[in-house]
Amino acid sequence: MNSNTALNSNLKFECQRCSKKQIVTDYSTGEIFCASCGFVIDEKANHSGYESSFDNEQKNTRRTGAPITLSRNDFGLSTVINSENIDVHGKSIPFAFSSTVKRIRIQDAKSRLAKHS
């Protein structure tokens, strides 16, 4: 366990999967999980505000994401579908799947236009 995790010894509940009471809270991700089997019990966000990341000396601050804003219809949390035919790992998308990706891009563009009008 590192400094971002803590064993919840004062909790009275046990894992739903293995029935052990080794419940751990990871404060960096906000997850509560079983240390024995790895089952994620609760997957929650720590907070929904502005988030910063610091190095060990806490001198180099940098943003890790845009803040949530009520001025946009999607609260500034939209997904951007790239126009290149590559996946998240940088590999090219197979030709058989390219027509599906094209339909997803068209639907995404239509939904953005519908939200803004």
PDB file of N, CA and C in Angstrom:
ATOM      1  N   MET A   1       0.846  -1.181   0.000  1.00  0.00           N
ATOM      2  CA  MET A   1       0.000   0.000   0.000  1.00  0.00           C
ATOM      3  C   MET A   1       0.883   1.233   0.000  1.00  0.00           C
ATOM      4  N   ASN A   2       0.483   2.242  -0.747  1.00  0.00           N
ATOM      5  CA  ASN A   2       1.239   3.486  -0.767  1.00  0.00           C
ATOM      6  C   ASN A   2       0.515   4.549   0.044  1.00  0.00           C
ATOM      7  N   SER A   3       1.003   5.801  -0.063  1.00  0.00           N
ATOM      8  CA  SER A   3       0.419   6.870   0.756  1.00  0.00           C
ATOM      9  C   SER A   3      -0.986   7.257   0.310  1.00  0.00           C
ATOM     10  N   ASN A   4      -1.405   6.816  -0.878  1.00  0.00           N
ATOM     11  CA  ASN A   4      -2.738   7.161  -1.371  1.00  0.00           C
ATOM     12  C   ASN A   4      -3.784   6.105  -1.030  1.00  0.00           C
ATOM     13  N   THR A   5      -3.375   5.013  -0.385  1.00  0.00           N
ATOM     14  CA  THR A   5      -4.326   3.965  -0.034  1.00  0.00           C
ATOM     15  C   THR A   5      -4.326   3.740   1.473  1.00  0.00           C
ATOM     16  N   ALA A   6      -5.445   3.273   1.991  1.00  0.00           N
ATOM     17  CA  ALA A   6      -5.551   2.997   3.424  1.00  0.00           C
ATOM     18  C   ALA A   6      -6.472   1.807   3.636  1.00  0.00           C
ATOM     19  N   LEU A   7      -6.060   0.914   4.519  1.00  0.00           N
ATOM     20  CA  LEU A   7      -6.886  -0.230   4.882  1.00  0.00           C
ATOM     21  C   LEU A   7      -7.985   0.242   5.812  1.00  0.00           C
ATOM     22  N   ASN A   8      -9.222  -0.067   5.474  1.00  0.00           N
ATOM     23  CA  ASN A   8     -10.372   0.381   6.256  1.00  0.00           C
ATOM     24  C   ASN A   8     -10.660  -0.620   7.364  1.00  0.00           C
ATOM     25  N   SER A   9      -9.899  -0.558   8.446  1.00  0.00           N
ATOM     26  CA  SER A   9     -10.066  -1.523   9.533  1.00  0.00           C
ATOM     27  C   SER A   9     -11.292  -1.241  10.383  1.00  0.00           C
ATOM     28  N   ASN A  10     -11.792  -0.009  10.343  1.00  0.00           N
ATOM     29  CA  ASN A  10     -12.946   0.328  11.176  1.00  0.00           C
ATOM     30  C   ASN A  10     -14.277   0.035  10.492  1.00  0.00           C
ATOM     31  N   LEU A  11     -14.260  -0.385   9.242  1.00  0.00           N
ATOM     32  CA  LEU A  11     -15.505  -0.657   8.533  1.00  0.00           C
ATOM     33  C   LEU A  11     -16.038  -2.034   8.912  1.00  0.00           C
ATOM     34  N   LYS A  12     -17.326  -2.153   8.961  1.00  0.00           N
ATOM     35  CA  LYS A  12     -17.980  -3.386   9.409  1.00  0.00           C
ATOM     36  C   LYS A  12     -18.438  -4.275   8.257  1.00  0.00           C
ATOM     37  N   PHE A  13     -18.167  -3.896   6.997  1.00  0.00           N
ATOM     38  CA  PHE A  13     -18.655  -4.714   5.894  1.00  0.00           C
ATOM     39  C   PHE A  13     -17.528  -5.531   5.287  1.00  0.00           C
ATOM     40  N   GLU A  14     -17.918  -6.527   4.507  1.00  0.00           N
ATOM     41  CA  GLU A  14     -16.965  -7.431   3.893  1.00  0.00           C
ATOM     42  C   GLU A  14     -17.177  -7.453   2.384  1.00  0.00           C
ATOM     43  N   CYS A  15     -16.231  -8.034   1.686  1.00  0.00           N
ATOM     44  CA  CYS A  15     -16.279  -8.134   0.229  1.00  0.00           C
ATOM     45  C   CYS A  15     -17.443  -9.026  -0.197  1.00  0.00           C
ATOM     46  N   GLN A  16     -18.170  -8.591  -1.214  1.00  0.00           N
ATOM     47  CA  GLN A  16     -19.309  -9.349  -1.720  1.00  0.00           C
ATOM     48  C   GLN A  16     -18.864 -10.617  -2.442  1.00  0.00           C
ATOM     49  N   ARG A  17     -17.641 -10.590  -2.974  1.00  0.00           N
ATOM     50  CA  ARG A  17     -17.167 -11.717  -3.768  1.00  0.00           C
ATOM     51  C   ARG A  17     -16.455 -12.786  -2.930  1.00  0.00           C
ATOM     52  N   CYS A  18     -15.508 -12.369  -2.055  1.00  0.00           N
ATOM     53  CA  CYS A  18     -14.715 -13.365  -1.315  1.00  0.00           C
ATOM     54  C   CYS A  18     -15.021 -13.400   0.178  1.00  0.00           C
ATOM     55  N   SER A  19     -15.878 -12.508   0.662  1.00  0.00           N
ATOM     56  CA  SER A  19     -16.329 -12.447   2.066  1.00  0.00           C
ATOM     57  C   SER A  19     -15.225 -12.111   3.063  1.00  0.00           C
ATOM     58  N   LYS A  20     -14.110 -11.541   2.595  1.00  0.00           N
ATOM     59  CA  LYS A  20     -13.047 -11.121   3.510  1.00  0.00           C
ATOM     60  C   LYS A  20     -13.237  -9.650   3.853  1.00  0.00           C
ATOM     61  N   LYS A  21     -12.650  -9.227   4.957  1.00  0.00           N
ATOM     62  CA  LYS A  21     -12.815  -7.852   5.426  1.00  0.00           C
ATOM     63  C   LYS A  21     -11.568  -7.013   5.186  1.00  0.00           C
ATOM     64  N   GLN A  22     -10.881  -7.236   4.068  1.00  0.00           N
ATOM     65  CA  GLN A  22      -9.684  -6.478   3.720  1.00  0.00           C
ATOM     66  C   GLN A  22     -10.055  -5.393   2.711  1.00  0.00           C
ATOM     67  N   ILE A  23     -10.822  -4.422   3.158  1.00  0.00           N
ATOM     68  CA  ILE A  23     -11.329  -3.363   2.298  1.00  0.00           C
ATOM     69  C   ILE A  23     -10.349  -2.195   2.314  1.00  0.00           C
ATOM     70  N   VAL A  24      -9.975  -1.716   1.131  1.00  0.00           N
ATOM     71  CA  VAL A  24      -8.988  -0.654   0.982  1.00  0.00           C
ATOM     72  C   VAL A  24      -9.617   0.515   0.246  1.00  0.00           C
ATOM     73  N   THR A  25      -9.276   1.740   0.661  1.00  0.00           N
ATOM     74  CA  THR A  25      -9.696   2.948  -0.044  1.00  0.00           C
ATOM     75  C   THR A  25      -8.489   3.540  -0.749  1.00  0.00           C
ATOM     76  N   ASP A  26      -8.608   3.771  -2.057  1.00  0.00           N
ATOM     77  CA  ASP A  26      -7.563   4.443  -2.826  1.00  0.00           C
ATOM     78  C   ASP A  26      -7.996   5.887  -2.994  1.00  0.00           C
ATOM     79  N   TYR A  27      -7.347   6.795  -2.281  1.00  0.00           N
ATOM     80  CA  TYR A  27      -7.761   8.192  -2.284  1.00  0.00           C
ATOM     81  C   TYR A  27      -7.419   8.909  -3.586  1.00  0.00           C
ATOM     82  N   SER A  28      -6.444   8.407  -4.350  1.00  0.00           N
ATOM     83  CA  SER A  28      -6.103   9.072  -5.607  1.00  0.00           C
ATOM     84  C   SER A  28      -7.164   8.840  -6.677  1.00  0.00           C
ATOM     85  N   THR A  29      -7.821   7.671  -6.660  1.00  0.00           N
ATOM     86  CA  THR A  29      -8.859   7.385  -7.656  1.00  0.00           C
ATOM     87  C   THR A  29     -10.257   7.426  -7.076  1.00  0.00           C
ATOM     88  N   GLY A  30     -10.367   7.393  -5.742  1.00  0.00           N
ATOM     89  CA  GLY A  30     -11.670   7.396  -5.102  1.00  0.00           C
ATOM     90  C   GLY A  30     -12.324   6.030  -5.054  1.00  0.00           C
ATOM     91  N   GLU A  31     -11.571   4.984  -5.373  1.00  0.00           N
ATOM     92  CA  GLU A  31     -12.128   3.635  -5.387  1.00  0.00           C
ATOM     93  C   GLU A  31     -12.012   2.978  -4.022  1.00  0.00           C
ATOM     94  N   ILE A  32     -12.995   2.151  -3.700  1.00  0.00           N
ATOM     95  CA  ILE A  32     -12.948   1.297  -2.523  1.00  0.00           C
ATOM     96  C   ILE A  32     -12.970  -0.131  -3.048  1.00  0.00           C
ATOM     97  N   PHE A  33     -11.947  -0.936  -2.678  1.00  0.00           N
ATOM     98  CA  PHE A  33     -11.842  -2.272  -3.243  1.00  0.00           C
ATOM     99  C   PHE A  33     -11.323  -3.268  -2.213  1.00  0.00           C
ATOM    100  N   CYS A  34     -11.458  -4.538  -2.545  1.00  0.00           N
ATOM    101  CA  CYS A  34     -11.000  -5.623  -1.682  1.00  0.00           C
ATOM    102  C   CYS A  34      -9.522  -5.891  -1.966  1.00  0.00           C
ATOM    103  N   ALA A  35      -8.694  -5.870  -0.918  1.00  0.00           N
ATOM    104  CA  ALA A  35      -7.265  -6.129  -1.083  1.00  0.00           C
ATOM    105  C   ALA A  35      -6.992  -7.605  -1.349  1.00  0.00           C
ATOM    106  N   SER A  36      -7.914  -8.464  -1.017  1.00  0.00           N
ATOM    107  CA  SER A  36      -7.727  -9.897  -1.190  1.00  0.00           C
ATOM    108  C   SER A  36      -7.972 -10.341  -2.634  1.00  0.00           C
ATOM    109  N   CYS A  37      -9.129  -9.981  -3.192  1.00  0.00           N
ATOM    110  CA  CYS A  37      -9.471 -10.453  -4.541  1.00  0.00           C
ATOM    111  C   CYS A  37      -9.464  -9.351  -5.602  1.00  0.00           C
ATOM    112  N   GLY A  38      -9.396  -8.070  -5.196  1.00  0.00           N
ATOM    113  CA  GLY A  38      -9.346  -6.970  -6.152  1.00  0.00           C
ATOM    114  C   GLY A  38     -10.695  -6.468  -6.607  1.00  0.00           C
ATOM    115  N   PHE A  39     -11.773  -6.994  -6.062  1.00  0.00           N
ATOM    116  CA  PHE A  39     -13.125  -6.580  -6.450  1.00  0.00           C
ATOM    117  C   PHE A  39     -13.356  -5.117  -6.072  1.00  0.00           C
ATOM    118  N   VAL A  40     -13.814  -4.295  -7.023  1.00  0.00           N
ATOM    119  CA  VAL A  40     -14.089  -2.883  -6.765  1.00  0.00           C
ATOM    120  C   VAL A  40     -15.481  -2.772  -6.161  1.00  0.00           C
ATOM    121  N   ILE A  41     -15.544  -2.274  -4.925  1.00  0.00           N
ATOM    122  CA  ILE A  41     -16.808  -2.161  -4.204  1.00  0.00           C
ATOM    123  C   ILE A  41     -17.514  -0.867  -4.551  1.00  0.00           C
ATOM    124  N   ASP A  42     -16.772   0.232  -4.582  1.00  0.00           N
ATOM    125  CA  ASP A  42     -17.364   1.529  -4.907  1.00  0.00           C
ATOM    126  C   ASP A  42     -16.400   2.296  -5.772  1.00  0.00           C
ATOM    127  N   GLU A  43     -16.929   2.874  -6.836  1.00  0.00           N
ATOM    128  CA  GLU A  43     -16.142   3.615  -7.799  1.00  0.00           C
ATOM    129  C   GLU A  43     -16.690   5.029  -7.827  1.00  0.00           C
ATOM    130  N   LYS A  44     -16.156   5.906  -7.001  1.00  0.00           N
ATOM    131  CA  LYS A  44     -16.719   7.244  -6.881  1.00  0.00           C
ATOM    132  C   LYS A  44     -15.656   8.293  -7.127  1.00  0.00           C
ATOM    133  N   ALA A  45     -16.089   9.459  -7.549  1.00  0.00           N
ATOM    134  CA  ALA A  45     -15.177  10.575  -7.736  1.00  0.00           C
ATOM    135  C   ALA A  45     -14.962  11.265  -6.399  1.00  0.00           C
ATOM    136  N   ASN A  46     -13.723  11.685  -6.149  1.00  0.00           N
ATOM    137  CA  ASN A  46     -13.431  12.392  -4.903  1.00  0.00           C
ATOM    138  C   ASN A  46     -14.149  13.725  -4.846  1.00  0.00           C
ATOM    139  N   HIS A  47     -14.099  14.470  -5.938  1.00  0.00           N
ATOM    140  CA  HIS A  47     -14.801  15.739  -6.037  1.00  0.00           C
ATOM    141  C   HIS A  47     -14.952  16.071  -7.505  1.00  0.00           C
ATOM    142  N   SER A  48     -15.837  16.972  -7.819  1.00  0.00           N
ATOM    143  CA  SER A  48     -16.100  17.283  -9.217  1.00  0.00           C
ATOM    144  C   SER A  48     -15.535  18.628  -9.629  1.00  0.00           C
ATOM    145  N   GLY A  49     -14.703  19.207  -8.810  1.00  0.00           N
ATOM    146  CA  GLY A  49     -14.153  20.521  -9.112  1.00  0.00           C
ATOM    147  C   GLY A  49     -12.836  20.447  -9.853  1.00  0.00           C
ATOM    148  N   TYR A  50     -12.123  21.556  -9.854  1.00  0.00           N
ATOM    149  CA  TYR A  50     -10.833  21.690 -10.496  1.00  0.00           C
ATOM    150  C   TYR A  50      -9.829  20.770  -9.828  1.00  0.00           C
ATOM    151  N   GLU A  51      -9.005  20.111 -10.606  1.00  0.00           N
ATOM    152  CA  GLU A  51      -8.061  19.157 -10.054  1.00  0.00           C
ATOM    153  C   GLU A  51      -6.661  19.530 -10.496  1.00  0.00           C
ATOM    154  N   SER A  52      -5.721  19.487  -9.588  1.00  0.00           N
ATOM    155  CA  SER A  52      -4.329  19.769  -9.898  1.00  0.00           C
ATOM    156  C   SER A  52      -3.480  18.564  -9.573  1.00  0.00           C
ATOM    157  N   SER A  53      -2.311  18.535 -10.160  1.00  0.00           N
ATOM    158  CA  SER A  53      -1.366  17.471  -9.898  1.00  0.00           C
ATOM    159  C   SER A  53      -0.054  18.119  -9.480  1.00  0.00           C
ATOM    160  N   PHE A  54       0.606  17.576  -8.480  1.00  0.00           N
ATOM    161  CA  PHE A  54       1.829  18.168  -7.967  1.00  0.00           C
ATOM    162  C   PHE A  54       2.952  17.146  -7.994  1.00  0.00           C
ATOM    163  N   ASP A  55       4.189  17.651  -8.149  1.00  0.00           N
ATOM    164  CA  ASP A  55       5.328  16.761  -8.011  1.00  0.00           C
ATOM    165  C   ASP A  55       5.664  16.623  -6.531  1.00  0.00           C
ATOM    166  N   ASN A  56       6.735  15.928  -6.206  1.00  0.00           N
ATOM    167  CA  ASN A  56       7.050  15.650  -4.804  1.00  0.00           C
ATOM    168  C   ASN A  56       7.276  16.912  -3.981  1.00  0.00           C
ATOM    169  N   GLU A  57       7.887  17.935  -4.572  1.00  0.00           N
ATOM    170  CA  GLU A  57       8.118  19.172  -3.835  1.00  0.00           C
ATOM    171  C   GLU A  57       6.914  20.101  -3.893  1.00  0.00           C
ATOM    172  N   GLN A  58       5.902  19.762  -4.628  1.00  0.00           N
ATOM    173  CA  GLN A  58       4.686  20.546  -4.826  1.00  0.00           C
ATOM    174  C   GLN A  58       4.989  21.948  -5.348  1.00  0.00           C
ATOM    175  N   LYS A  59       5.997  22.038  -6.211  1.00  0.00           N
ATOM    176  CA  LYS A  59       6.334  23.322  -6.821  1.00  0.00           C
ATOM    177  C   LYS A  59       5.774  23.407  -8.235  1.00  0.00           C
ATOM    178  N   ASN A  60       5.792  22.298  -8.939  1.00  0.00           N
ATOM    179  CA  ASN A  60       5.379  22.270 -10.337  1.00  0.00           C
ATOM    180  C   ASN A  60       3.905  21.877 -10.413  1.00  0.00           C
ATOM    181  N   THR A  61       3.028  22.865 -10.389  1.00  0.00           N
ATOM    182  CA  THR A  61       1.603  22.547 -10.484  1.00  0.00           C
ATOM    183  C   THR A  61       1.193  22.574 -11.948  1.00  0.00           C
ATOM    184  N   ARG A  62       0.320  21.663 -12.326  1.00  0.00           N
ATOM    185  CA  ARG A  62      -0.196  21.637 -13.692  1.00  0.00           C
ATOM    186  C   ARG A  62      -1.602  21.060 -13.651  1.00  0.00           C
ATOM    187  N   ARG A  63      -2.413  21.495 -14.573  1.00  0.00           N
ATOM    188  CA  ARG A  63      -3.798  21.031 -14.620  1.00  0.00           C
ATOM    189  C   ARG A  63      -3.864  19.635 -15.191  1.00  0.00           C
ATOM    190  N   THR A  64      -4.760  18.856 -14.673  1.00  0.00           N
ATOM    191  CA  THR A  64      -4.949  17.504 -15.188  1.00  0.00           C
ATOM    192  C   THR A  64      -6.245  17.369 -15.960  1.00  0.00           C
ATOM    193  N   GLY A  65      -6.953  18.440 -16.132  1.00  0.00           N
ATOM    194  CA  GLY A  65      -8.195  18.412 -16.884  1.00  0.00           C
ATOM    195  C   GLY A  65      -8.917  19.733 -16.768  1.00  0.00           C
ATOM    196  N   ALA A  66      -9.766  19.989 -17.722  1.00  0.00           N
ATOM    197  CA  ALA A  66     -10.533  21.228 -17.692  1.00  0.00           C
ATOM    198  C   ALA A  66     -11.566  21.171 -16.576  1.00  0.00           C
ATOM    199  N   PRO A  67     -11.851  22.312 -15.962  1.00  0.00           N
ATOM    200  CA  PRO A  67     -12.877  22.302 -14.919  1.00  0.00           C
ATOM    201  C   PRO A  67     -14.259  22.101 -15.527  1.00  0.00           C
ATOM    202  N   ILE A  68     -15.163  21.568 -14.743  1.00  0.00           N
ATOM    203  CA  ILE A  68     -16.542  21.398 -15.184  1.00  0.00           C
ATOM    204  C   ILE A  68     -17.189  22.770 -15.244  1.00  0.00           C
ATOM    205  N   THR A  69     -17.898  23.034 -16.334  1.00  0.00           N
ATOM    206  CA  THR A  69     -18.517  24.339 -16.502  1.00  0.00           C
ATOM    207  C   THR A  69     -19.991  24.179 -16.845  1.00  0.00           C
ATOM    208  N   LEU A  70     -20.816  24.992 -16.252  1.00  0.00           N
ATOM    209  CA  LEU A  70     -22.249  24.945 -16.533  1.00  0.00           C
ATOM    210  C   LEU A  70     -22.613  25.724 -17.793  1.00  0.00           C
ATOM    211  N   SER A  71     -21.655  26.464 -18.357  1.00  0.00           N
ATOM    212  CA  SER A  71     -21.946  27.260 -19.546  1.00  0.00           C
ATOM    213  C   SER A  71     -22.037  26.412 -20.810  1.00  0.00           C
ATOM    214  N   ARG A  72     -21.592  25.172 -20.764  1.00  0.00           N
ATOM    215  CA  ARG A  72     -21.689  24.288 -21.921  1.00  0.00           C
ATOM    216  C   ARG A  72     -22.724  23.220 -21.647  1.00  0.00           C
ATOM    217  N   ASN A  73     -23.398  22.793 -22.701  1.00  0.00           N
ATOM    218  CA  ASN A  73     -24.477  21.824 -22.538  1.00  0.00           C
ATOM    219  C   ASN A  73     -24.002  20.468 -22.049  1.00  0.00           C
ATOM    220  N   ASP A  74     -22.751  20.126 -22.302  1.00  0.00           N
ATOM    221  CA  ASP A  74     -22.216  18.846 -21.837  1.00  0.00           C
ATOM    222  C   ASP A  74     -21.299  19.027 -20.630  1.00  0.00           C
ATOM    223  N   PHE A  75     -21.378  20.195 -20.001  1.00  0.00           N
ATOM    224  CA  PHE A  75     -20.577  20.549 -18.824  1.00  0.00           C
ATOM    225  C   PHE A  75     -19.080  20.536 -19.116  1.00  0.00           C
ATOM    226  N   GLY A  76     -18.691  20.628 -20.381  1.00  0.00           N
ATOM    227  CA  GLY A  76     -17.286  20.620 -20.751  1.00  0.00           C
ATOM    228  C   GLY A  76     -16.656  19.239 -20.713  1.00  0.00           C
ATOM    229  N   LEU A  77     -17.468  18.190 -20.683  1.00  0.00           N
ATOM    230  CA  LEU A  77     -16.961  16.825 -20.570  1.00  0.00           C
ATOM    231  C   LEU A  77     -17.208  16.012 -21.836  1.00  0.00           C
ATOM    232  N   SER A  78     -17.189  16.651 -22.981  1.00  0.00           N
ATOM    233  CA  SER A  78     -17.508  15.943 -24.215  1.00  0.00           C
ATOM    234  C   SER A  78     -16.375  15.017 -24.642  1.00  0.00           C
ATOM    235  N   THR A  79     -16.726  14.010 -25.412  1.00  0.00           N
ATOM    236  CA  THR A  79     -15.762  13.092 -25.993  1.00  0.00           C
ATOM    237  C   THR A  79     -15.480  13.548 -27.412  1.00  0.00           C
ATOM    238  N   VAL A  80     -14.209  13.571 -27.782  1.00  0.00           N
ATOM    239  CA  VAL A  80     -13.821  13.971 -29.127  1.00  0.00           C
ATOM    240  C   VAL A  80     -13.408  12.719 -29.886  1.00  0.00           C
ATOM    241  N   ILE A  81     -14.080  12.462 -30.999  1.00  0.00           N
ATOM    242  CA  ILE A  81     -13.750  11.316 -31.841  1.00  0.00           C
ATOM    243  C   ILE A  81     -12.839  11.816 -32.952  1.00  0.00           C
ATOM    244  N   ASN A  82     -11.637  11.292 -32.991  1.00  0.00           N
ATOM    245  CA  ASN A  82     -10.625  11.725 -33.940  1.00  0.00           C
ATOM    246  C   ASN A  82     -11.009  11.320 -35.361  1.00  0.00           C
ATOM    247  N   SER A  83     -10.610  12.118 -36.330  1.00  0.00           N
ATOM    248  CA  SER A  83     -10.943  11.821 -37.722  1.00  0.00           C
ATOM    249  C   SER A  83      -9.963  10.839 -38.358  1.00  0.00           C
ATOM    250  N   GLU A  84      -8.847  10.569 -37.703  1.00  0.00           N
ATOM    251  CA  GLU A  84      -7.890   9.602 -38.232  1.00  0.00           C
ATOM    252  C   GLU A  84      -8.392   8.184 -37.958  1.00  0.00           C
ATOM    253  N   ASN A  85      -8.031   7.265 -38.802  1.00  0.00           N
ATOM    254  CA  ASN A  85      -8.462   5.875 -38.646  1.00  0.00           C
ATOM    255  C   ASN A  85      -7.466   5.073 -37.817  1.00  0.00           C
ATOM    256  N   ILE A  86      -7.218   5.564 -36.584  1.00  0.00           N
ATOM    257  CA  ILE A  86      -6.349   4.849 -35.662  1.00  0.00           C
ATOM    258  C   ILE A  86      -7.070   4.672 -34.335  1.00  0.00           C
ATOM    259  N   ASP A  87      -6.721   3.606 -33.616  1.00  0.00           N
ATOM    260  CA  ASP A  87      -7.348   3.362 -32.322  1.00  0.00           C
ATOM    261  C   ASP A  87      -6.551   4.054 -31.219  1.00  0.00           C
ATOM    262  N   VAL A  88      -6.915   3.787 -29.978  1.00  0.00           N
ATOM    263  CA  VAL A  88      -6.299   4.449 -28.837  1.00  0.00           C
ATOM    264  C   VAL A  88      -4.824   4.064 -28.682  1.00  0.00           C
ATOM    265  N   HIS A  89      -4.426   2.931 -29.222  1.00  0.00           N
ATOM    266  CA  HIS A  89      -3.051   2.465 -29.120  1.00  0.00           C
ATOM    267  C   HIS A  89      -2.196   2.898 -30.307  1.00  0.00           C
ATOM    268  N   GLY A  90      -2.771   3.634 -31.262  1.00  0.00           N
ATOM    269  CA  GLY A  90      -2.034   4.107 -32.419  1.00  0.00           C
ATOM    270  C   GLY A  90      -2.031   3.145 -33.588  1.00  0.00           C
ATOM    271  N   LYS A  91      -2.723   2.027 -33.460  1.00  0.00           N
ATOM    272  CA  LYS A  91      -2.803   1.053 -34.549  1.00  0.00           C
ATOM    273  C   LYS A  91      -3.937   1.442 -35.488  1.00  0.00           C
ATOM    274  N   SER A  92      -3.794   1.086 -36.762  1.00  0.00           N
ATOM    275  CA  SER A  92      -4.843   1.427 -37.718  1.00  0.00           C
ATOM    276  C   SER A  92      -6.077   0.559 -37.486  1.00  0.00           C
ATOM    277  N   ILE A  93      -7.242   1.159 -37.708  1.00  0.00           N
ATOM    278  CA  ILE A  93      -8.511   0.454 -37.534  1.00  0.00           C
ATOM    279  C   ILE A  93      -8.709  -0.482 -38.723  1.00  0.00           C
ATOM    280  N   PRO A  94      -9.090  -1.741 -38.486  1.00  0.00           N
ATOM    281  CA  PRO A  94      -9.315  -2.681 -39.593  1.00  0.00           C
ATOM    282  C   PRO A  94     -10.387  -2.165 -40.550  1.00  0.00           C
ATOM    283  N   PHE A  95     -10.223  -2.483 -41.825  1.00  0.00           N
ATOM    284  CA  PHE A  95     -11.153  -2.013 -42.848  1.00  0.00           C
ATOM    285  C   PHE A  95     -12.584  -2.460 -42.567  1.00  0.00           C
ATOM    286  N   ALA A  96     -12.763  -3.663 -42.054  1.00  0.00           N
ATOM    287  CA  ALA A  96     -14.108  -4.179 -41.769  1.00  0.00           C
ATOM    288  C   ALA A  96     -14.817  -3.351 -40.700  1.00  0.00           C
ATOM    289  N   PHE A  97     -14.070  -2.692 -39.836  1.00  0.00           N
ATOM    290  CA  PHE A  97     -14.652  -1.900 -38.757  1.00  0.00           C
ATOM    291  C   PHE A  97     -14.761  -0.416 -39.122  1.00  0.00           C
ATOM    292  N   SER A  98     -14.141  -0.008 -40.235  1.00  0.00           N
ATOM    293  CA  SER A  98     -14.096   1.414 -40.584  1.00  0.00           C
ATOM    294  C   SER A  98     -15.474   1.995 -40.898  1.00  0.00           C
ATOM    295  N   SER A  99     -16.381   1.209 -41.468  1.00  0.00           N
ATOM    296  CA  SER A  99     -17.722   1.733 -41.750  1.00  0.00           C
ATOM    297  C   SER A  99     -18.485   1.993 -40.454  1.00  0.00           C
ATOM    298  N   THR A 100     -18.277   1.159 -39.445  1.00  0.00           N
ATOM    299  CA  THR A 100     -18.910   1.379 -38.141  1.00  0.00           C
ATOM    300  C   THR A 100     -18.376   2.647 -37.502  1.00  0.00           C
ATOM    301  N   VAL A 101     -17.066   2.852 -37.579  1.00  0.00           N
ATOM    302  CA  VAL A 101     -16.454   4.060 -37.014  1.00  0.00           C
ATOM    303  C   VAL A 101     -16.973   5.297 -37.741  1.00  0.00           C
ATOM    304  N   LYS A 102     -17.162   5.198 -39.054  1.00  0.00           N
ATOM    305  CA  LYS A 102     -17.685   6.329 -39.822  1.00  0.00           C
ATOM    306  C   LYS A 102     -19.100   6.676 -39.363  1.00  0.00           C
ATOM    307  N   ARG A 103     -19.942   5.672 -39.138  1.00  0.00           N
ATOM    308  CA  ARG A 103     -21.302   5.928 -38.644  1.00  0.00           C
ATOM    309  C   ARG A 103     -21.276   6.572 -37.256  1.00  0.00           C
ATOM    310  N   ILE A 104     -20.354   6.136 -36.402  1.00  0.00           N
ATOM    311  CA  ILE A 104     -20.235   6.727 -35.066  1.00  0.00           C
ATOM    312  C   ILE A 104     -19.836   8.194 -35.174  1.00  0.00           C
ATOM    313  N   ARG A 105     -18.904   8.507 -36.072  1.00  0.00           N
ATOM    314  CA  ARG A 105     -18.476   9.903 -36.259  1.00  0.00           C
ATOM    315  C   ARG A 105     -19.632  10.775 -36.747  1.00  0.00           C
ATOM    316  N   ILE A 106     -20.418  10.254 -37.685  1.00  0.00           N
ATOM    317  CA  ILE A 106     -21.563  11.014 -38.205  1.00  0.00           C
ATOM    318  C   ILE A 106     -22.578  11.256 -37.099  1.00  0.00           C
ATOM    319  N   GLN A 107     -22.883  10.234 -36.312  1.00  0.00           N
ATOM    320  CA  GLN A 107     -23.824  10.385 -35.199  1.00  0.00           C
ATOM    321  C   GLN A 107     -23.301  11.372 -34.164  1.00  0.00           C
ATOM    322  N   ASP A 108     -21.998  11.345 -33.895  1.00  0.00           N
ATOM    323  CA  ASP A 108     -21.393  12.277 -32.945  1.00  0.00           C
ATOM    324  C   ASP A 108     -21.525  13.716 -33.447  1.00  0.00           C
ATOM    325  N   ALA A 109     -21.272  13.926 -34.734  1.00  0.00           N
ATOM    326  CA  ALA A 109     -21.395  15.274 -35.300  1.00  0.00           C
ATOM    327  C   ALA A 109     -22.839  15.765 -35.239  1.00  0.00           C
ATOM    328  N   LYS A 110     -23.792  14.877 -35.535  1.00  0.00           N
ATOM    329  CA  LYS A 110     -25.207  15.261 -35.461  1.00  0.00           C
ATOM    330  C   LYS A 110     -25.614  15.604 -34.033  1.00  0.00           C
ATOM    331  N   SER A 111     -25.131  14.845 -33.065  1.00  0.00           N
ATOM    332  CA  SER A 111     -25.508  15.114 -31.674  1.00  0.00           C
ATOM    333  C   SER A 111     -24.917  16.425 -31.185  1.00  0.00           C
ATOM    334  N   ARG A 112     -23.730  16.782 -31.642  1.00  0.00           N
ATOM    335  CA  ARG A 112     -23.146  18.075 -31.258  1.00  0.00           C
ATOM    336  C   ARG A 112     -23.953  19.225 -31.845  1.00  0.00           C
ATOM    337  N   LEU A 113     -24.391  19.072 -33.087  1.00  0.00           N
ATOM    338  CA  LEU A 113     -25.194  20.124 -33.711  1.00  0.00           C
ATOM    339  C   LEU A 113     -26.548  20.251 -33.031  1.00  0.00           C
ATOM    340  N   ALA A 114     -27.156  19.136 -32.674  1.00  0.00           N
ATOM    341  CA  ALA A 114     -28.468  19.159 -32.023  1.00  0.00           C
ATOM    342  C   ALA A 114     -28.390  19.799 -30.644  1.00  0.00           C
ATOM    343  N   LYS A 115     -27.296  19.594 -29.929  1.00  0.00           N
ATOM    344  CA  LYS A 115     -27.143  20.166 -28.591  1.00  0.00           C
ATOM    345  C   LYS A 115     -26.939  21.670 -28.639  1.00  0.00           C
ATOM    346  N   HIS A 116     -26.298  22.157 -29.699  1.00  0.00           N
ATOM    347  CA  HIS A 116     -25.981  23.579 -29.775  1.00  0.00           C
ATOM    348  C   HIS A 116     -27.085  24.412 -30.406  1.00  0.00           C
ATOM    349  N   SER A 117     -28.102  23.773 -30.972  1.00  0.00           N
ATOM    350  CA  SER A 117     -29.157  24.566 -31.614  1.00  0.00           C
ATOM    351  C   SER A 117     -30.354  24.760 -30.737  1.00  0.00           C
TER     352      SER A 117
END
